[in-house]
């Protein structure tokens, strides 16, 4: 069960997403067909990456909402998340039980490189679509166009703006969260007692709670005394 989000967090996060999505929509309009982003393109859906506590809480509630609407799809996401967590625990740069990353950048980079081909648990492998698109982290939302973040210019996705002149790329650069709304929300979470500075991974944010996982094992069909094979979805 996802933790209850206070009203101030839900309102603040909704405002943050409106600001970010509006900026990206404006950038997409300027970029036109220079952006390769569309359903089925999974360039940004492989390999683990750090997400904030705010991202993790949003994802957990997105999964909870999916579970209420379409429990089979939610169960498939949880199954993929649990499979990813088991694989990612070995050599994890932080606490492999909670999924909290440490601040060792060298260890992080090595870990991310080893797992760069691993698909995100929220990715539906049949459709190439994100099952939790509305709740996706900011990193997912901002992947594609050239960005201006925290005083730094970041490049576009390698599949976007192919052959474009530097001036054209600069014209389409998107300023993300210029008011620092995300940082303010994270600081308030910290003041409320949450470890706001801690980062984790999508798989850990989506893995089933122990009670849910145990219930799933109890209700899983058995054959000849052995666990039934888990069908990959």
Protein backbone atom coordinates (compact mmCIF):
# COMPACT_ATOMS: atom_id res chain seq x y z
CA UNK A 1 0.00 0.00 0.00
CA UNK A 2 1.42 3.35 -1.03
CA UNK A 3 1.92 5.87 1.74
CA UNK A 4 -0.74 8.53 2.10
CA UNK A 5 0.39 11.75 0.45
CA UNK A 6 -0.62 14.91 2.31
CA UNK A 7 -2.73 17.40 0.40
CA UNK A 8 0.08 19.97 0.22
CA UNK A 9 2.31 17.40 -1.47
CA UNK A 10 -0.34 16.38 -4.00
CA UNK A 11 -1.14 20.00 -4.82
CA UNK A 12 2.53 20.96 -5.06
CA UNK A 13 3.41 17.96 -7.20
CA UNK A 14 0.46 18.64 -9.51
CA UNK A 15 1.66 22.23 -9.94
CA UNK A 16 5.22 21.04 -10.62
CA UNK A 17 4.00 18.65 -13.32
CA UNK A 18 1.87 21.34 -14.93
CA UNK A 19 4.85 23.69 -15.14
CA UNK A 20 7.21 21.02 -16.48
CA UNK A 21 4.72 19.56 -18.97
CA UNK A 22 3.77 23.01 -20.26
CA UNK A 23 7.43 23.90 -20.84
CA UNK A 24 8.00 20.61 -22.64
CA UNK A 25 4.87 21.03 -24.78
CA UNK A 26 6.12 24.46 -25.86
CA UNK A 27 9.53 22.97 -26.66
CA UNK A 28 7.94 20.14 -28.64
CA UNK A 29 5.94 22.62 -30.70
CA UNK A 30 9.12 24.50 -31.56
CA UNK A 31 11.02 21.29 -32.29
CA UNK A 32 8.40 19.76 -34.56
CA UNK A 33 9.58 16.57 -36.24
CA UNK A 34 13.06 17.03 -34.80
CA UNK A 35 11.76 15.14 -31.76
CA UNK A 36 11.72 11.38 -32.20
CA UNK A 37 9.68 10.78 -29.02
CA UNK A 38 6.52 8.70 -29.58
CA UNK A 39 4.86 5.56 -28.26
CA UNK A 40 7.02 2.59 -29.15
CA UNK A 41 10.32 4.45 -28.90
CA UNK A 42 11.95 3.07 -25.76
CA UNK A 43 15.33 4.82 -25.95
CA UNK A 44 14.84 6.33 -22.49
CA UNK A 45 13.19 3.22 -20.99
CA UNK A 46 16.30 1.09 -20.50
CA UNK A 47 18.88 1.28 -17.76
CA UNK A 48 18.36 2.35 -14.13
CA UNK A 49 18.74 5.98 -13.08
CA UNK A 50 18.27 7.92 -9.81
CA UNK A 51 14.83 9.23 -8.93
CA UNK A 52 13.84 11.50 -6.05
CA UNK A 53 11.57 10.68 -3.14
CA UNK A 54 8.90 12.80 -4.83
CA UNK A 55 9.19 10.70 -8.00
CA UNK A 56 9.05 7.47 -5.99
CA UNK A 57 5.93 8.48 -4.07
CA UNK A 58 4.21 9.61 -7.28
CA UNK A 59 5.03 6.29 -8.95
CA UNK A 60 3.74 4.28 -5.99
CA UNK A 61 0.44 6.12 -6.08
CA UNK A 62 0.26 5.76 -9.86
CA UNK A 63 0.67 2.01 -9.44
CA UNK A 64 -1.99 1.97 -6.73
CA UNK A 65 -4.41 3.74 -9.07
CA UNK A 66 -3.61 1.26 -11.87
CA UNK A 67 -4.21 -1.62 -9.45
CA UNK A 68 -7.70 -0.31 -8.74
CA UNK A 69 -8.53 0.15 -12.45
CA UNK A 70 -6.73 -2.79 -14.03
CA UNK A 71 -5.29 -5.19 -11.44
CA UNK A 72 -3.77 -7.57 -13.99
CA UNK A 73 -1.70 -4.82 -15.59
CA UNK A 74 -0.60 -3.58 -12.16
CA UNK A 75 0.38 -7.12 -11.15
CA UNK A 76 2.51 -7.40 -14.30
CA UNK A 77 4.31 -4.15 -13.40
CA UNK A 78 4.94 -5.41 -9.86
CA UNK A 79 6.22 -8.74 -11.18
CA UNK A 80 8.69 -6.96 -13.46
CA UNK A 81 9.71 -4.64 -10.61
CA UNK A 82 10.37 -7.54 -8.25
CA UNK A 83 12.39 -9.35 -10.91
CA UNK A 84 14.45 -6.17 -11.48
CA UNK A 85 15.03 -5.65 -7.76
CA UNK A 86 16.39 -9.17 -7.37
CA UNK A 87 18.81 -8.59 -10.25
CA UNK A 88 19.83 -5.10 -9.10
CA UNK A 89 20.60 -5.99 -5.49
CA UNK A 90 23.96 -7.54 -6.32
CA UNK A 91 26.59 -4.80 -6.20
CA UNK A 92 23.93 -2.16 -5.47
CA UNK A 93 25.58 1.20 -4.63
CA UNK A 94 23.65 1.77 -1.42
CA UNK A 95 21.19 -0.19 0.71
CA UNK A 96 20.01 -3.16 -1.40
CA UNK A 97 17.01 -3.77 0.86
CA UNK A 98 15.47 -0.29 0.84
CA UNK A 99 16.88 0.70 -2.55
CA UNK A 100 18.40 3.91 -1.24
CA UNK A 101 21.39 4.96 -3.31
CA UNK A 102 24.56 6.22 -1.67
CA UNK A 103 26.50 9.25 -2.89
CA UNK A 104 29.46 7.37 -4.39
CA UNK A 105 29.27 8.67 -7.97
CA UNK A 106 31.92 6.27 -9.25
CA UNK A 107 30.08 3.26 -7.85
CA UNK A 108 26.81 4.56 -9.27
CA UNK A 109 28.22 5.05 -12.76
CA UNK A 110 29.72 1.56 -12.81
CA UNK A 111 26.43 0.05 -11.60
CA UNK A 112 24.31 1.95 -14.12
CA UNK A 113 26.64 0.93 -16.94
CA UNK A 114 26.37 -2.76 -16.00
CA UNK A 115 22.59 -2.61 -16.12
CA UNK A 116 22.13 -0.19 -19.02
CA UNK A 117 20.19 -2.74 -21.11
CA UNK A 118 17.65 -3.56 -18.38
CA UNK A 119 14.13 -2.33 -19.25
CA UNK A 120 12.13 -0.22 -16.83
CA UNK A 121 9.50 -2.27 -14.93
CA UNK A 122 6.82 0.23 -15.99
CA UNK A 123 7.52 -0.45 -19.68
CA UNK A 124 5.00 -2.77 -21.33
CA UNK A 125 7.27 -4.98 -23.47
CA UNK A 126 4.42 -5.76 -25.87
CA UNK A 127 3.37 -2.21 -26.72
CA UNK A 128 6.48 -0.18 -25.89
CA UNK A 129 4.27 2.12 -23.79
CA UNK A 130 4.70 3.23 -20.19
CA UNK A 131 2.07 1.74 -17.90
CA UNK A 132 2.51 4.63 -15.45
CA UNK A 133 2.93 7.45 -17.95
CA UNK A 134 1.01 10.07 -15.95
CA UNK A 135 3.09 9.29 -12.84
CA UNK A 136 6.49 8.99 -14.52
CA UNK A 137 9.56 10.67 -12.94
CA UNK A 138 10.82 14.06 -14.07
CA UNK A 139 13.84 12.44 -15.74
CA UNK A 140 11.48 10.50 -18.01
CA UNK A 141 9.36 13.57 -18.73
CA UNK A 142 12.34 15.69 -19.74
CA UNK A 143 14.20 13.13 -21.85
CA UNK A 144 14.31 14.08 -25.52
CA UNK A 145 14.69 17.83 -26.08
CA UNK A 146 17.74 19.92 -25.19
CA UNK A 147 17.36 21.25 -21.66
CA UNK A 148 18.42 24.08 -19.42
CA UNK A 149 18.50 22.81 -15.83
CA UNK A 150 20.23 24.11 -12.72
CA UNK A 151 22.23 26.58 -14.79
CA UNK A 152 23.52 23.89 -17.14
CA UNK A 153 22.77 23.12 -20.79
CA UNK A 154 22.03 19.44 -21.37
CA UNK A 155 22.02 17.79 -24.82
CA UNK A 156 19.04 16.32 -26.61
CA UNK A 157 18.48 12.58 -26.94
CA UNK A 158 20.77 11.10 -29.58
CA UNK A 159 17.73 10.20 -31.70
CA UNK A 160 16.44 13.78 -31.72
CA UNK A 161 17.66 16.80 -33.69
CA UNK A 162 19.75 14.60 -35.96
CA UNK A 163 21.64 16.88 -38.35
CA UNK A 164 20.21 20.05 -36.76
CA UNK A 165 22.35 23.17 -36.57
CA UNK A 166 23.48 24.35 -33.10
CA UNK A 167 21.37 27.50 -33.47
CA UNK A 168 18.24 25.45 -34.10
CA UNK A 169 18.95 23.23 -31.10
CA UNK A 170 19.48 26.30 -28.91
CA UNK A 171 16.18 27.77 -30.10
CA UNK A 172 14.36 24.64 -28.90
CA UNK A 173 16.09 24.38 -25.54
CA UNK A 174 13.59 23.90 -22.70
CA UNK A 175 13.93 25.52 -19.28
CA UNK A 176 12.67 22.96 -16.78
CA UNK A 177 11.28 24.05 -13.40
CA UNK A 178 12.82 27.55 -13.41
CA UNK A 179 11.16 28.36 -10.07
CA UNK A 180 12.75 25.40 -8.29
CA UNK A 181 9.39 23.88 -7.32
CA UNK A 182 10.80 20.36 -7.02
CA UNK A 183 13.54 21.42 -4.61
CA UNK A 184 11.01 23.28 -2.46
CA UNK A 185 8.77 20.23 -2.27
CA UNK A 186 11.69 17.98 -1.35
CA UNK A 187 12.78 20.37 1.39
CA UNK A 188 9.26 20.38 2.82
CA UNK A 189 9.19 16.58 2.76
CA UNK A 190 12.46 16.62 4.67
CA UNK A 191 11.03 18.99 7.28
CA UNK A 192 8.07 16.64 7.68
CA UNK A 193 10.41 13.80 8.61
CA UNK A 194 11.03 12.16 5.24
CA UNK A 195 14.59 11.48 3.98
CA UNK A 196 14.07 13.89 1.10
CA UNK A 197 17.72 13.90 -0.03
CA UNK A 198 17.73 10.14 -0.61
CA UNK A 199 17.49 8.84 -4.18
CA UNK A 200 16.33 5.42 -5.30
CA UNK A 201 15.43 3.52 -8.49
CA UNK A 202 12.11 2.98 -10.26
CA UNK A 203 12.20 -0.76 -9.57
CA UNK A 204 12.41 -0.24 -5.81
CA UNK A 205 9.61 2.33 -5.91
CA UNK A 206 7.35 -0.20 -7.64
CA UNK A 207 8.26 -3.47 -5.97
CA UNK A 208 5.39 -5.09 -4.05
CA UNK A 209 5.11 -4.48 -0.33
CA UNK A 210 5.96 -7.63 1.71
CA UNK A 211 2.30 -8.36 2.49
CA UNK A 212 1.32 -8.03 -1.17
CA UNK A 213 4.19 -10.23 -2.32
CA UNK A 214 3.31 -12.87 0.28
CA UNK A 215 -0.34 -12.87 -0.78
CA UNK A 216 0.73 -13.24 -4.39
CA UNK A 217 2.82 -16.30 -3.51
CA UNK A 218 -0.04 -17.85 -1.54
CA UNK A 219 -2.51 -17.50 -4.41
CA UNK A 220 -0.14 -18.49 -7.21
CA UNK A 221 -1.32 -21.73 -8.89
CA UNK A 222 0.80 -24.82 -8.25
CA UNK A 223 1.47 -27.82 -10.47
CA UNK A 224 2.90 -31.17 -9.32
CA UNK A 225 4.15 -29.60 -6.11
CA UNK A 226 6.34 -27.07 -7.90
CA UNK A 227 5.76 -23.31 -8.40
CA UNK A 228 4.06 -22.57 -11.68
CA UNK A 229 6.28 -20.96 -14.27
CA UNK A 230 6.05 -17.19 -14.28
CA UNK A 231 5.14 -15.95 -17.75
CA UNK A 232 7.07 -12.88 -18.77
CA UNK A 233 4.84 -10.05 -19.96
